[in-house]
Amino acid sequence: MEAKAEQLLRDYAYYLRMERQLSPHTVSSYCSDAAIFLEACPADPLLLTSDDVTLWLAARSECVSSRSQARELSAVKSFFDYLVLEGERPDNPCDAVYAPKLGRYLPDVLSEEEVAAIIESVDTRSWQGKRDRAILELLYGCGLRVSEACALLLPDIFESERFVRVTGKGDKERLVPMGECAADAVADYLPERPVPAGADDGRLFLNRFGKPLSRISVFKMVRRQALAAGVSKEISPHTFRHSFATHLIEHGADLRVVQEMLGHESILTTELYTHIDRSTWQKSVLEHHPRR
């Protein structure tokens, strides 16, 4: 990547952090996708055209999915929007580029039996096991994103009220009720929480070195426990969030309530995450139909 492109990318990252107040994870994702484009198009970013973007996108179609292409194009468009905002360019070359068409994305969902098997597979005789059990219970029982679970602080846990305060995307806070299983698992872990390394920032989940647990560590733990439980599906921590939403709806929860629990701005996103099958909707409609 040319030095000029590298400087523009650093300035863009600063803009995302300081002016748009995006989370470090989001900033990293945007910049990573923009860097992929700038590496493939070594010309001056201020001189690139729509044709350059189109050719790059066509090349990406040979190695990544349509969904990944759309995400990368969105990041590149955001980068050029920044250049236009700063007066570096008169236009955004991505405006004339069509994003790949996406089919309806239906995430993998675990059955209630599979969720129980994975959670029960954790050996809670060690403090790490108690921690992992608490994480799984929160991922599923509260529908947390993995980044939200890793960012939880001790003051975010309201044991007596059985609520957890969650900081979601855009630093938006929401209160999520903890079910009995999740509350008990957290209460079981808290006395075993290791001594933090250095200054204690109050992070709830720590690793064996007393440092905040990373998202990657949670990913590895989830896959390890799925294997131990004999669940062959390709899952991630987010699978528990999908499953939580789906199971709530299947048991009769209102879609708006699930939207609030998950922290979605749009109800359409909630519908996509739950992907309730036709028979469930049919049963709900028929049970409440005025002419039944």
C-alpha atoms as a PDB file:
ATOM      1  CA  MET A   1       0.000   0.000   0.000  1.00  0.00           C
ATOM      2  CA  GLU A   2       1.303   3.458  -0.899  1.00  0.00           C
ATOM      3  CA  ALA A   3       2.310   5.783   1.922  1.00  0.00           C
ATOM      4  CA  LYS A   4      -0.425   8.256   0.971  1.00  0.00           C
ATOM      5  CA  ALA A   5      -3.095   5.534   1.161  1.00  0.00           C
ATOM      6  CA  GLU A   6      -1.758   4.415   4.550  1.00  0.00           C
ATOM      7  CA  GLN A   7      -1.994   7.967   5.903  1.00  0.00           C
ATOM      8  CA  LEU A   8      -5.554   8.372   4.607  1.00  0.00           C
ATOM      9  CA  LEU A   9      -6.492   5.075   6.240  1.00  0.00           C
ATOM     10  CA  ARG A  10      -5.022   6.199   9.581  1.00  0.00           C
ATOM     11  CA  ASP A  11      -6.937   9.480   9.329  1.00  0.00           C
ATOM     12  CA  TYR A  12     -10.103   7.542   8.497  1.00  0.00           C
ATOM     13  CA  ALA A  13      -9.638   5.321  11.567  1.00  0.00           C
ATOM     14  CA  TYR A  14      -9.213   8.426  13.752  1.00  0.00           C
ATOM     15  CA  TYR A  15     -12.413   9.882  12.264  1.00  0.00           C
ATOM     16  CA  LEU A  16     -14.369   6.714  13.023  1.00  0.00           C
ATOM     17  CA  ARG A  17     -13.104   6.597  16.607  1.00  0.00           C
ATOM     18  CA  MET A  18     -13.275  10.241  17.583  1.00  0.00           C
ATOM     19  CA  GLU A  19     -16.047  11.783  15.489  1.00  0.00           C
ATOM     20  CA  ARG A  20     -18.385   8.863  14.855  1.00  0.00           C
ATOM     21  CA  GLN A  21     -17.659   7.310  18.273  1.00  0.00           C
ATOM     22  CA  LEU A  22     -17.662   3.770  16.862  1.00  0.00           C
ATOM     23  CA  SER A  23     -16.468   0.853  18.964  1.00  0.00           C
ATOM     24  CA  PRO A  24     -12.868  -0.376  18.540  1.00  0.00           C
ATOM     25  CA  HIS A  25     -14.165  -3.618  17.012  1.00  0.00           C
ATOM     26  CA  THR A  26     -16.244  -1.740  14.407  1.00  0.00           C
ATOM     27  CA  VAL A  27     -13.371   0.617  13.575  1.00  0.00           C
ATOM     28  CA  SER A  28     -11.049  -2.355  13.111  1.00  0.00           C
ATOM     29  CA  SER A  29     -13.542  -4.105  10.813  1.00  0.00           C
ATOM     30  CA  TYR A  30     -14.134  -1.021   8.645  1.00  0.00           C
ATOM     31  CA  CYS A  31     -10.424  -0.286   8.305  1.00  0.00           C
ATOM     32  CA  SER A  32      -9.538  -3.906   7.606  1.00  0.00           C
ATOM     33  CA  ASP A  33     -12.019  -4.086   4.730  1.00  0.00           C
ATOM     34  CA  ALA A  34     -10.896  -0.726   3.355  1.00  0.00           C
ATOM     35  CA  ALA A  35      -7.264  -1.873   3.560  1.00  0.00           C
ATOM     36  CA  ILE A  36      -8.084  -4.964   1.469  1.00  0.00           C
ATOM     37  CA  PHE A  37      -9.364  -2.651  -1.263  1.00  0.00           C
ATOM     38  CA  LEU A  38      -6.422  -0.247  -1.058  1.00  0.00           C
ATOM     39  CA  GLU A  39      -3.933  -3.129  -1.236  1.00  0.00           C
ATOM     40  CA  ALA A  40      -5.609  -4.439  -4.390  1.00  0.00           C
ATOM     41  CA  CYS A  41      -5.810  -0.967  -5.993  1.00  0.00           C
ATOM     42  CA  PRO A  42      -2.380   0.590  -5.415  1.00  0.00           C
ATOM     43  CA  ALA A  43      -3.168   3.756  -7.399  1.00  0.00           C
ATOM     44  CA  ASP A  44      -3.790   7.064  -5.641  1.00  0.00           C
ATOM     45  CA  PRO A  45      -7.160   6.697  -3.778  1.00  0.00           C
ATOM     46  CA  LEU A  46      -8.020  10.238  -4.832  1.00  0.00           C
ATOM     47  CA  LEU A  47      -7.915   9.195  -8.492  1.00  0.00           C
ATOM     48  CA  LEU A  48      -9.706   5.837  -8.365  1.00  0.00           C
ATOM     49  CA  THR A  49     -12.909   5.500 -10.392  1.00  0.00           C
ATOM     50  CA  SER A  50     -16.097   3.444 -10.324  1.00  0.00           C
ATOM     51  CA  ASP A  51     -14.524   1.106 -12.872  1.00  0.00           C
ATOM     52  CA  ASP A  52     -11.683   0.393 -10.448  1.00  0.00           C
ATOM     53  CA  VAL A  53     -14.150  -0.485  -7.711  1.00  0.00           C
ATOM     54  CA  THR A  54     -16.218  -2.673 -10.070  1.00  0.00           C
ATOM     55  CA  LEU A  55     -13.162  -4.616 -11.248  1.00  0.00           C
ATOM     56  CA  TRP A  56     -11.998  -5.132  -7.672  1.00  0.00           C
ATOM     57  CA  LEU A  57     -15.417  -6.364  -6.618  1.00  0.00           C
ATOM     58  CA  ALA A  58     -15.503  -8.797  -9.541  1.00  0.00           C
ATOM     59  CA  ALA A  59     -12.126 -10.185  -8.480  1.00  0.00           C
ATOM     60  CA  ARG A  60     -13.320 -10.562  -4.896  1.00  0.00           C
ATOM     61  CA  SER A  61     -16.294 -12.620  -6.094  1.00  0.00           C
ATOM     62  CA  GLU A  62     -13.895 -15.448  -6.909  1.00  0.00           C
ATOM     63  CA  CYS A  63     -12.693 -15.833  -3.316  1.00  0.00           C
ATOM     64  CA  VAL A  64     -15.344 -14.522  -0.910  1.00  0.00           C
ATOM     65  CA  SER A  65     -19.101 -14.857  -0.514  1.00  0.00           C
ATOM     66  CA  SER A  66     -21.651 -12.313  -1.735  1.00  0.00           C
ATOM     67  CA  ARG A  67     -22.303 -11.300   1.854  1.00  0.00           C
ATOM     68  CA  SER A  68     -18.599 -10.615   2.439  1.00  0.00           C
ATOM     69  CA  GLN A  69     -18.405  -8.658  -0.818  1.00  0.00           C
ATOM     70  CA  ALA A  70     -21.343  -6.502   0.250  1.00  0.00           C
ATOM     71  CA  ARG A  71     -19.745  -5.871   3.643  1.00  0.00           C
ATOM     72  CA  GLU A  72     -16.408  -4.927   2.089  1.00  0.00           C
ATOM     73  CA  LEU A  73     -18.070  -2.636  -0.439  1.00  0.00           C
ATOM     74  CA  SER A  74     -19.946  -0.915   2.380  1.00  0.00           C
ATOM     75  CA  ALA A  75     -16.649  -0.271   4.186  1.00  0.00           C
ATOM     76  CA  VAL A  76     -15.008   1.067   1.021  1.00  0.00           C
ATOM     77  CA  LYS A  77     -18.002   3.333   0.403  1.00  0.00           C
ATOM     78  CA  SER A  78     -17.700   4.636   3.969  1.00  0.00           C
ATOM     79  CA  PHE A  79     -13.986   5.329   3.397  1.00  0.00           C
ATOM     80  CA  PHE A  80     -14.719   7.366   0.256  1.00  0.00           C
ATOM     81  CA  ASP A  81     -17.581   9.160   2.027  1.00  0.00           C
ATOM     82  CA  TYR A  82     -14.956  10.295   4.531  1.00  0.00           C
ATOM     83  CA  LEU A  83     -12.698  11.552   1.717  1.00  0.00           C
ATOM     84  CA  VAL A  84     -15.599  13.508   0.214  1.00  0.00           C
ATOM     85  CA  LEU A  85     -16.460  14.924   3.644  1.00  0.00           C
ATOM     86  CA  GLU A  86     -12.856  16.085   4.066  1.00  0.00           C
ATOM     87  CA  GLY A  87     -12.824  17.670   0.612  1.00  0.00           C
ATOM     88  CA  GLU A  88     -10.210  15.227  -0.685  1.00  0.00           C
ATOM     89  CA  ARG A  89     -12.515  14.013  -3.465  1.00  0.00           C
ATOM     90  CA  PRO A  90     -15.502  15.568  -5.258  1.00  0.00           C
ATOM     91  CA  ASP A  91     -17.423  12.301  -5.461  1.00  0.00           C
ATOM     92  CA  ASN A  92     -17.710   8.739  -4.147  1.00  0.00           C
ATOM     93  CA  PRO A  93     -16.832   6.179  -6.858  1.00  0.00           C
ATOM     94  CA  CYS A  94     -18.893   3.537  -5.027  1.00  0.00           C
ATOM     95  CA  ASP A  95     -22.146   5.399  -5.686  1.00  0.00           C
ATOM     96  CA  ALA A  96     -22.292   3.971  -9.207  1.00  0.00           C
ATOM     97  CA  VAL A  97     -21.438   0.413  -8.102  1.00  0.00           C
ATOM     98  CA  TYR A  98     -24.179  -2.092  -7.355  1.00  0.00           C
ATOM     99  CA  ALA A  99     -23.723  -4.320  -4.321  1.00  0.00           C
ATOM    100  CA  PRO A 100     -24.061  -8.084  -4.824  1.00  0.00           C
ATOM    101  CA  LYS A 101     -27.585  -9.425  -4.417  1.00  0.00           C
ATOM    102  CA  LEU A 102     -28.016 -11.282  -1.161  1.00  0.00           C
ATOM    103  CA  GLY A 103     -30.372 -14.116  -0.461  1.00  0.00           C
ATOM    104  CA  ARG A 104     -32.180 -14.317   2.854  1.00  0.00           C
ATOM    105  CA  TYR A 105     -29.628 -15.305   5.463  1.00  0.00           C
ATOM    106  CA  LEU A 106     -30.918 -17.974   7.831  1.00  0.00           C
ATOM    107  CA  PRO A 107     -28.454 -18.604  10.662  1.00  0.00           C
ATOM    108  CA  ASP A 108     -27.907 -22.025  12.175  1.00  0.00           C
ATOM    109  CA  VAL A 109     -29.968 -22.578  15.287  1.00  0.00           C
ATOM    110  CA  LEU A 110     -29.471 -25.080  18.065  1.00  0.00           C
ATOM    111  CA  SER A 111     -32.355 -27.063  19.463  1.00  0.00           C
ATOM    112  CA  GLU A 112     -33.139 -26.614  23.138  1.00  0.00           C
ATOM    113  CA  GLU A 113     -31.714 -30.092  23.748  1.00  0.00           C
ATOM    114  CA  GLU A 114     -28.455 -29.172  21.997  1.00  0.00           C
ATOM    115  CA  VAL A 115     -28.130 -25.967  24.013  1.00  0.00           C
ATOM    116  CA  ALA A 116     -28.654 -27.906  27.236  1.00  0.00           C
ATOM    117  CA  ALA A 117     -26.138 -30.569  26.175  1.00  0.00           C
ATOM    118  CA  ILE A 118     -23.446 -27.970  25.440  1.00  0.00           C
ATOM    119  CA  ILE A 119     -23.983 -26.118  28.707  1.00  0.00           C
ATOM    120  CA  GLU A 120     -24.089 -29.339  30.726  1.00  0.00           C
ATOM    121  CA  SER A 121     -20.858 -30.529  29.092  1.00  0.00           C
ATOM    122  CA  VAL A 122     -18.858 -27.912  31.016  1.00  0.00           C
ATOM    123  CA  ASP A 123     -16.901 -29.323  33.943  1.00  0.00           C
ATOM    124  CA  THR A 124     -17.622 -26.859  36.757  1.00  0.00           C
ATOM    125  CA  ARG A 125     -15.199 -28.361  39.263  1.00  0.00           C
ATOM    126  CA  SER A 126     -12.644 -25.671  38.325  1.00  0.00           C
ATOM    127  CA  TRP A 127     -13.025 -21.898  38.352  1.00  0.00           C
ATOM    128  CA  GLN A 128     -12.509 -21.854  34.579  1.00  0.00           C
ATOM    129  CA  GLY A 129     -15.418 -24.253  34.209  1.00  0.00           C
ATOM    130  CA  LYS A 130     -17.631 -22.051  36.369  1.00  0.00           C
ATOM    131  CA  ARG A 131     -16.630 -19.059  34.262  1.00  0.00           C
ATOM    132  CA  ASP A 132     -17.369 -20.876  30.999  1.00  0.00           C
ATOM    133  CA  ARG A 133     -20.723 -22.078  32.313  1.00  0.00           C
ATOM    134  CA  ALA A 134     -21.641 -18.507  33.263  1.00  0.00           C
ATOM    135  CA  ILE A 135     -20.630 -17.224  29.829  1.00  0.00           C
ATOM    136  CA  LEU A 136     -22.730 -19.835  28.013  1.00  0.00           C
ATOM    137  CA  GLU A 137     -25.717 -19.162  30.255  1.00  0.00           C
ATOM    138  CA  LEU A 138     -25.479 -15.425  29.515  1.00  0.00           C
ATOM    139  CA  LEU A 139     -24.966 -15.908  25.773  1.00  0.00           C
ATOM    140  CA  TYR A 140     -28.065 -18.052  25.571  1.00  0.00           C
ATOM    141  CA  GLY A 141     -30.188 -16.964  28.539  1.00  0.00           C
ATOM    142  CA  CYS A 142     -29.773 -13.232  27.838  1.00  0.00           C
ATOM    143  CA  GLY A 143     -29.099 -13.305  24.089  1.00  0.00           C
ATOM    144  CA  LEU A 144     -25.795 -11.435  24.428  1.00  0.00           C
ATOM    145  CA  ARG A 145     -23.335 -10.809  21.662  1.00  0.00           C
ATOM    146  CA  VAL A 146     -19.885 -12.216  22.434  1.00  0.00           C
ATOM    147  CA  SER A 147     -18.438  -8.672  22.567  1.00  0.00           C
ATOM    148  CA  GLU A 148     -21.153  -7.695  25.075  1.00  0.00           C
ATOM    149  CA  ALA A 149     -20.390 -10.681  27.299  1.00  0.00           C
ATOM    150  CA  CYS A 150     -16.641  -9.997  27.252  1.00  0.00           C
ATOM    151  CA  ALA A 151     -17.205  -6.317  28.087  1.00  0.00           C
ATOM    152  CA  LEU A 152     -19.395  -6.947  31.154  1.00  0.00           C
ATOM    153  CA  LEU A 153     -18.218  -5.294  34.348  1.00  0.00           C
ATOM    154  CA  LEU A 154     -18.928  -6.375  37.923  1.00  0.00           C
ATOM    155  CA  PRO A 155     -21.314  -3.407  38.505  1.00  0.00           C
ATOM    156  CA  ASP A 156     -23.314  -4.545  35.453  1.00  0.00           C
ATOM    157  CA  ILE A 157     -24.562  -7.589  37.348  1.00  0.00           C
ATOM    158  CA  PHE A 158     -27.592  -6.940  39.559  1.00  0.00           C
ATOM    159  CA  GLU A 159     -27.833 -10.241  41.421  1.00  0.00           C
ATOM    160  CA  SER A 160     -30.802  -9.553  43.678  1.00  0.00           C
ATOM    161  CA  GLU A 161     -32.871  -7.941  40.912  1.00  0.00           C
ATOM    162  CA  ARG A 162     -31.679 -10.555  38.391  1.00  0.00           C
ATOM    163  CA  PHE A 163     -30.834  -8.044  35.688  1.00  0.00           C
ATOM    164  CA  VAL A 164     -27.688  -7.499  33.657  1.00  0.00           C
ATOM    165  CA  ARG A 165     -26.778  -4.118  32.187  1.00  0.00           C
ATOM    166  CA  VAL A 166     -25.484  -4.555  28.647  1.00  0.00           C
ATOM    167  CA  THR A 167     -23.586  -2.033  26.530  1.00  0.00           C
ATOM    168  CA  GLY A 168     -24.392  -2.858  22.919  1.00  0.00           C
ATOM    169  CA  LYS A 169     -23.598  -1.384  19.537  1.00  0.00           C
ATOM    170  CA  GLY A 170     -23.160   2.369  19.519  1.00  0.00           C
ATOM    171  CA  ASP A 171     -22.561   2.273  23.294  1.00  0.00           C
ATOM    172  CA  LYS A 172     -26.318   1.916  23.830  1.00  0.00           C
ATOM    173  CA  GLU A 173     -27.234   0.442  27.197  1.00  0.00           C
ATOM    174  CA  ARG A 174     -30.100  -1.923  27.870  1.00  0.00           C
ATOM    175  CA  LEU A 175     -31.241  -3.931  30.875  1.00  0.00           C
ATOM    176  CA  VAL A 176     -31.777  -7.625  30.229  1.00  0.00           C
ATOM    177  CA  PRO A 177     -33.434  -9.956  32.755  1.00  0.00           C
ATOM    178  CA  MET A 178     -31.391 -12.951  33.873  1.00  0.00           C
ATOM    179  CA  GLY A 179     -33.190 -16.240  34.165  1.00  0.00           C
ATOM    180  CA  GLU A 180     -32.608 -18.500  37.136  1.00  0.00           C
ATOM    181  CA  CYS A 181     -29.985 -20.626  35.355  1.00  0.00           C
ATOM    182  CA  ALA A 182     -27.937 -17.619  34.241  1.00  0.00           C
ATOM    183  CA  ALA A 183     -28.182 -15.901  37.635  1.00  0.00           C
ATOM    184  CA  ASP A 184     -27.122 -19.067  39.464  1.00  0.00           C
ATOM    185  CA  ALA A 185     -24.176 -19.648  37.108  1.00  0.00           C
ATOM    186  CA  VAL A 186     -22.905 -16.078  37.567  1.00  0.00           C
ATOM    187  CA  ALA A 187     -23.326 -16.331  41.359  1.00  0.00           C
ATOM    188  CA  ASP A 188     -21.363 -19.593  41.296  1.00  0.00           C
ATOM    189  CA  TYR A 189     -18.513 -17.988  39.349  1.00  0.00           C
ATOM    190  CA  LEU A 190     -18.161 -14.670  41.196  1.00  0.00           C
ATOM    191  CA  PRO A 191     -16.465 -16.072  44.356  1.00  0.00           C
ATOM    192  CA  GLU A 192     -14.009 -17.927  42.086  1.00  0.00           C
ATOM    193  CA  ARG A 193     -13.120 -14.917  39.902  1.00  0.00           C
ATOM    194  CA  PRO A 194      -9.299 -14.770  39.805  1.00  0.00           C
ATOM    195  CA  VAL A 195      -7.222 -11.906  41.112  1.00  0.00           C
ATOM    196  CA  PRO A 196      -6.858  -9.364  38.266  1.00  0.00           C
ATOM    197  CA  ALA A 197      -3.407  -8.687  36.840  1.00  0.00           C
ATOM    198  CA  GLY A 198      -2.502  -5.084  37.553  1.00  0.00           C
ATOM    199  CA  ALA A 199      -5.222  -2.499  38.100  1.00  0.00           C
ATOM    200  CA  ASP A 200      -8.695  -4.020  38.335  1.00  0.00           C
ATOM    201  CA  ASP A 201     -11.015  -2.420  35.781  1.00  0.00           C
ATOM    202  CA  GLY A 202     -13.891  -4.527  37.078  1.00  0.00           C
ATOM    203  CA  ARG A 203     -14.134  -6.827  34.063  1.00  0.00           C
ATOM    204  CA  LEU A 204     -16.376  -9.764  34.953  1.00  0.00           C
ATOM    205  CA  PHE A 205     -14.699 -12.505  32.931  1.00  0.00           C
ATOM    206  CA  LEU A 206     -10.943 -12.947  33.226  1.00  0.00           C
ATOM    207  CA  ASN A 207      -8.487 -15.437  31.782  1.00  0.00           C
ATOM    208  CA  ARG A 208      -5.993 -17.515  33.771  1.00  0.00           C
ATOM    209  CA  PHE A 209      -3.535 -14.617  33.733  1.00  0.00           C
ATOM    210  CA  GLY A 210      -6.046 -12.292  35.389  1.00  0.00           C
ATOM    211  CA  LYS A 211      -6.588 -10.295  32.200  1.00  0.00           C
ATOM    212  CA  PRO A 212      -9.889  -9.617  30.394  1.00  0.00           C
ATOM    213  CA  LEU A 213     -11.119 -12.625  28.448  1.00  0.00           C
ATOM    214  CA  SER A 214     -10.962 -12.157  24.672  1.00  0.00           C
ATOM    215  CA  ARG A 215     -13.628 -12.866  22.074  1.00  0.00           C
ATOM    216  CA  ILE A 216     -11.341 -15.434  20.446  1.00  0.00           C
ATOM    217  CA  SER A 217     -11.089 -17.359  23.709  1.00  0.00           C
ATOM    218  CA  VAL A 218     -14.882 -17.517  23.916  1.00  0.00           C
ATOM    219  CA  PHE A 219     -15.087 -18.719  20.300  1.00  0.00           C
ATOM    220  CA  LYS A 220     -12.647 -21.531  21.086  1.00  0.00           C
ATOM    221  CA  MET A 221     -14.474 -22.467  24.278  1.00  0.00           C
ATOM    222  CA  VAL A 222     -17.845 -22.668  22.515  1.00  0.00           C
ATOM    223  CA  ARG A 223     -16.493 -24.957  19.820  1.00  0.00           C
ATOM    224  CA  ARG A 224     -14.694 -27.107  22.369  1.00  0.00           C
ATOM    225  CA  GLN A 225     -17.850 -27.599  24.406  1.00  0.00           C
ATOM    226  CA  ALA A 226     -19.942 -28.298  21.307  1.00  0.00           C
ATOM    227  CA  LEU A 227     -17.493 -31.062  20.427  1.00  0.00           C
ATOM    228  CA  ALA A 228     -17.648 -32.407  23.977  1.00  0.00           C
ATOM    229  CA  ALA A 229     -21.455 -32.436  23.797  1.00  0.00           C
ATOM    230  CA  GLY A 230     -21.466 -34.277  20.469  1.00  0.00           C
ATOM    231  CA  VAL A 231     -23.013 -31.342  18.574  1.00  0.00           C
ATOM    232  CA  SER A 232     -21.668 -31.447  15.028  1.00  0.00           C
ATOM    233  CA  LYS A 233     -23.139 -28.147  13.786  1.00  0.00           C
ATOM    234  CA  GLU A 234     -20.710 -25.386  12.867  1.00  0.00           C
ATOM    235  CA  ILE A 235     -21.480 -22.915  15.632  1.00  0.00           C
ATOM    236  CA  SER A 236     -20.121 -19.747  17.206  1.00  0.00           C
ATOM    237  CA  PRO A 237     -21.056 -17.714  20.290  1.00  0.00           C
ATOM    238  CA  HIS A 238     -23.579 -15.849  18.123  1.00  0.00           C
ATOM    239  CA  THR A 239     -25.423 -19.123  17.512  1.00  0.00           C
ATOM    240  CA  PHE A 240     -26.640 -18.982  21.112  1.00  0.00           C
ATOM    241  CA  ARG A 241     -28.100 -15.521  20.446  1.00  0.00           C
ATOM    242  CA  HIS A 242     -29.940 -16.807  17.353  1.00  0.00           C
ATOM    243  CA  SER A 243     -31.189 -19.818  19.289  1.00  0.00           C
ATOM    244  CA  PHE A 244     -32.319 -17.714  22.247  1.00  0.00           C
ATOM    245  CA  ALA A 245     -34.429 -15.456  20.005  1.00  0.00           C
ATOM    246  CA  THR A 246     -35.903 -18.360  18.091  1.00  0.00           C
ATOM    247  CA  HIS A 247     -36.839 -20.319  21.197  1.00  0.00           C
ATOM    248  CA  LEU A 248     -38.437 -17.245  22.811  1.00  0.00           C
ATOM    249  CA  ILE A 249     -40.681 -16.711  19.788  1.00  0.00           C
ATOM    250  CA  GLU A 250     -41.522 -20.389  19.560  1.00  0.00           C
ATOM    251  CA  HIS A 251     -42.655 -20.284  23.192  1.00  0.00           C
ATOM    252  CA  GLY A 252     -44.945 -17.330  22.503  1.00  0.00           C
ATOM    253  CA  ALA A 253     -42.849 -14.232  23.286  1.00  0.00           C
ATOM    254  CA  ASP A 254     -43.857 -11.060  21.464  1.00  0.00           C
ATOM    255  CA  LEU A 255     -41.473 -10.045  18.673  1.00  0.00           C
ATOM    256  CA  ARG A 256     -41.205  -6.521  20.110  1.00  0.00           C
ATOM    257  CA  VAL A 257     -40.101  -7.909  23.453  1.00  0.00           C
ATOM    258  CA  VAL A 258     -37.422  -9.990  21.755  1.00  0.00           C
ATOM    259  CA  GLN A 259     -36.328  -6.890  19.836  1.00  0.00           C
ATOM    260  CA  GLU A 260     -35.783  -5.033  23.118  1.00  0.00           C
ATOM    261  CA  MET A 261     -33.928  -7.991  24.632  1.00  0.00           C
ATOM    262  CA  LEU A 262     -31.553  -8.239  21.687  1.00  0.00           C
ATOM    263  CA  GLY A 263     -31.061  -4.485  21.367  1.00  0.00           C
ATOM    264  CA  HIS A 264     -32.125  -4.280  17.722  1.00  0.00           C
ATOM    265  CA  GLU A 265     -33.081  -0.884  16.326  1.00  0.00           C
ATOM    266  CA  SER A 266     -35.253  -2.428  13.617  1.00  0.00           C
ATOM    267  CA  ILE A 267     -37.873  -5.141  14.041  1.00  0.00           C
ATOM    268  CA  LEU A 268     -36.817  -6.456  10.614  1.00  0.00           C
ATOM    269  CA  THR A 269     -33.446  -7.440  12.054  1.00  0.00           C
ATOM    270  CA  THR A 270     -35.186  -9.372  14.813  1.00  0.00           C
ATOM    271  CA  GLU A 271     -37.309 -11.236  12.274  1.00  0.00           C
ATOM    272  CA  LEU A 272     -34.171 -12.178  10.360  1.00  0.00           C
ATOM    273  CA  TYR A 273     -32.370 -13.453  13.455  1.00  0.00           C
ATOM    274  CA  THR A 274     -35.281 -15.528  14.657  1.00  0.00           C
ATOM    275  CA  HIS A 275     -36.151 -17.022  11.242  1.00  0.00           C
ATOM    276  CA  ILE A 276     -39.267 -18.668  12.667  1.00  0.00           C
ATOM    277  CA  ASP A 277     -40.465 -21.519  10.471  1.00  0.00           C
ATOM    278  CA  ARG A 278     -43.822 -21.406   8.731  1.00  0.00           C
ATOM    279  CA  SER A 279     -45.491 -23.943  11.010  1.00  0.00           C
ATOM    280  CA  THR A 280     -44.729 -21.825  14.103  1.00  0.00           C
ATOM    281  CA  TRP A 281     -46.299 -18.723  12.569  1.00  0.00           C
ATOM    282  CA  GLN A 282     -49.259 -20.784  11.367  1.00  0.00           C
ATOM    283  CA  LYS A 283     -49.850 -22.256  14.817  1.00  0.00           C
ATOM    284  CA  SER A 284     -49.685 -18.817  16.460  1.00  0.00           C
ATOM    285  CA  VAL A 285     -52.112 -17.281  13.962  1.00  0.00           C
ATOM    286  CA  LEU A 286     -54.612 -20.127  14.191  1.00  0.00           C
ATOM    287  CA  GLU A 287     -54.550 -20.180  18.008  1.00  0.00           C
ATOM    288  CA  HIS A 288     -55.426 -16.474  18.157  1.00  0.00           C
ATOM    289  CA  HIS A 289     -57.641 -16.248  15.074  1.00  0.00           C
ATOM    290  CA  PRO A 290     -60.995 -14.530  15.767  1.00  0.00           C
ATOM    291  CA  ARG A 291     -62.846 -17.116  13.639  1.00  0.00           C
ATOM    292  CA  ARG A 292     -61.197 -20.235  15.035  1.00  0.00           C
END
